Protein backbone atom coordinates (compact mmCIF):
# COMPACT_ATOMS: atom_id res chain seq x y z
CA MET A 1 -1.01 26.44 -22.53
CA SER A 2 -0.94 29.59 -20.79
CA ASP A 3 2.47 31.07 -22.70
CA ILE A 4 2.35 33.68 -24.98
CA GLN A 5 5.51 34.36 -27.15
CA ILE A 6 7.79 38.29 -27.06
CA THR A 7 10.17 39.74 -29.52
CA ILE A 8 12.67 41.41 -27.15
CA THR A 9 15.37 43.62 -29.23
CA ASP A 10 18.14 43.28 -26.47
CA ARG A 11 20.48 46.62 -26.32
CA HIS A 12 22.98 45.52 -28.79
CA GLY A 13 20.12 45.80 -31.02
CA GLU A 14 20.13 41.39 -30.95
CA VAL A 15 16.39 39.95 -31.39
CA HIS A 16 15.69 37.32 -28.55
CA ARG A 17 12.21 35.17 -29.50
CA VAL A 18 11.38 34.45 -25.97
CA THR A 19 7.89 32.93 -25.01
CA ALA A 20 6.41 34.04 -22.12
CA PRO A 21 4.13 32.88 -19.58
CA THR A 22 0.89 34.67 -18.56
CA ASP A 23 0.47 31.99 -15.35
CA MET A 24 3.24 33.68 -12.53
CA ASN A 25 1.45 37.11 -12.67
CA MET A 26 4.87 38.24 -14.31
CA ASN A 27 6.14 41.84 -16.00
CA LEU A 28 8.03 42.25 -18.92
CA MET A 29 11.03 43.91 -17.31
CA GLU A 30 10.66 40.41 -15.18
CA LEU A 31 10.90 37.93 -17.79
CA VAL A 32 14.04 40.16 -19.50
CA LYS A 33 15.88 39.24 -16.25
CA VAL A 34 15.29 35.60 -16.33
CA TYR A 35 16.74 35.62 -19.86
CA GLU A 36 19.67 38.27 -18.65
CA LEU A 37 18.60 39.40 -21.42
CA ALA A 38 20.75 42.99 -19.82
CA PRO A 39 23.59 42.71 -17.86
CA GLU A 40 22.20 42.33 -14.07
CA GLY A 41 22.07 45.48 -11.80
CA THR A 42 20.95 47.91 -15.33
CA ILE A 43 17.57 46.68 -15.13
CA GLY A 44 14.44 46.64 -12.56
CA VAL A 45 16.51 48.60 -10.06
CA CYS A 46 13.95 49.36 -7.68
CA GLY A 47 12.51 45.98 -7.88
CA GLY A 48 9.73 46.25 -10.08
CA ILE A 49 7.80 49.22 -9.03
CA ALA A 50 7.52 52.71 -11.37
CA MET A 51 10.47 54.71 -8.75
CA CYS A 52 13.29 54.62 -11.45
CA ALA A 53 13.03 54.17 -15.45
CA SER A 54 15.99 51.22 -15.96
CA CYS A 55 13.40 49.29 -17.72
CA GLN A 56 11.83 51.73 -20.14
CA CYS A 57 11.58 50.25 -23.54
CA TYR A 58 9.96 51.07 -26.67
CA VAL A 59 6.70 49.60 -27.40
CA LYS A 60 7.04 48.07 -31.56
CA SER A 61 3.78 46.18 -32.14
CA GLY A 62 0.82 47.78 -32.00
CA HIS A 63 -0.68 46.34 -29.04
CA PRO A 64 -2.89 47.46 -26.66
CA LEU A 65 -1.45 48.35 -23.93
CA PRO A 66 -4.09 49.27 -19.99
CA GLU A 67 -3.27 53.42 -19.76
CA LYS A 68 0.00 55.05 -17.96
CA SER A 69 -0.55 55.22 -14.08
CA ASP A 70 0.21 58.26 -12.32
CA GLU A 71 3.45 56.87 -10.89
CA GLU A 72 4.96 55.84 -14.33
CA GLU A 73 4.48 58.85 -16.28
CA ALA A 74 5.91 60.89 -13.79
CA MET A 75 9.43 58.70 -13.59
CA LEU A 76 9.14 58.60 -17.99
CA SER A 77 9.03 62.22 -17.75
CA GLU A 78 12.52 62.37 -15.92
CA ALA A 79 14.07 59.81 -17.88
CA PHE A 80 16.60 60.17 -20.64
CA TYR A 81 15.96 58.62 -24.31
CA VAL A 82 12.09 58.86 -24.12
CA GLU A 83 9.64 58.08 -26.85
CA THR A 84 6.22 58.77 -27.66
CA SER A 85 6.08 54.29 -27.36
CA SER A 86 8.17 54.17 -24.02
CA ARG A 87 6.71 52.38 -21.52
CA LEU A 88 8.41 51.30 -18.03
CA GLY A 89 8.62 47.06 -18.78
CA CYS A 90 7.93 46.49 -14.98
CA GLN A 91 3.98 47.81 -15.33
CA ILE A 92 3.07 45.72 -18.51
CA HIS A 93 2.48 42.94 -16.97
CA LEU A 94 2.03 39.31 -19.33
CA THR A 95 -1.39 38.12 -20.48
CA LYS A 96 -2.47 36.08 -23.60
CA GLY A 97 -3.75 39.17 -24.57
CA LEU A 98 0.56 40.60 -25.62
CA ASP A 99 0.91 37.50 -27.66
CA GLY A 100 3.47 38.76 -30.52
CA LEU A 101 4.57 41.90 -28.94
CA GLU A 102 7.20 43.71 -29.76
CA VAL A 103 9.62 45.68 -27.75
CA GLU A 104 12.99 47.00 -27.54
CA LEU A 105 14.80 47.98 -24.29
CA ALA A 106 15.71 51.65 -24.61
CA PRO A 107 19.95 52.48 -23.86
CA GLU A 108 20.69 52.29 -20.37
CA GLY A 109 20.86 55.38 -18.57
CA SER A 110 17.11 55.74 -19.15
């Protein structure tokens, strides 16, 4: 079994526990789009290349994540509502080590 469980709090505060495949090379932003947890056109505007911050999220669990790339750091430095736990969902690739990950979507316009 290559699926993991992720908890995503949407922009309205509703909590969603979703199943995520780890064998499809998906990222968190794509998972949010698949489950339609944000209105169309409000997440992943750049297509997942770290050129916007529409997929910004706050990592609520203590899962170890890869370090932020220079592109991700630059994008977050220009975003709104940034917190110390902020990451771009497009840069969080779904792996077995992320089973149980908990994130909250940042407010729209981030």
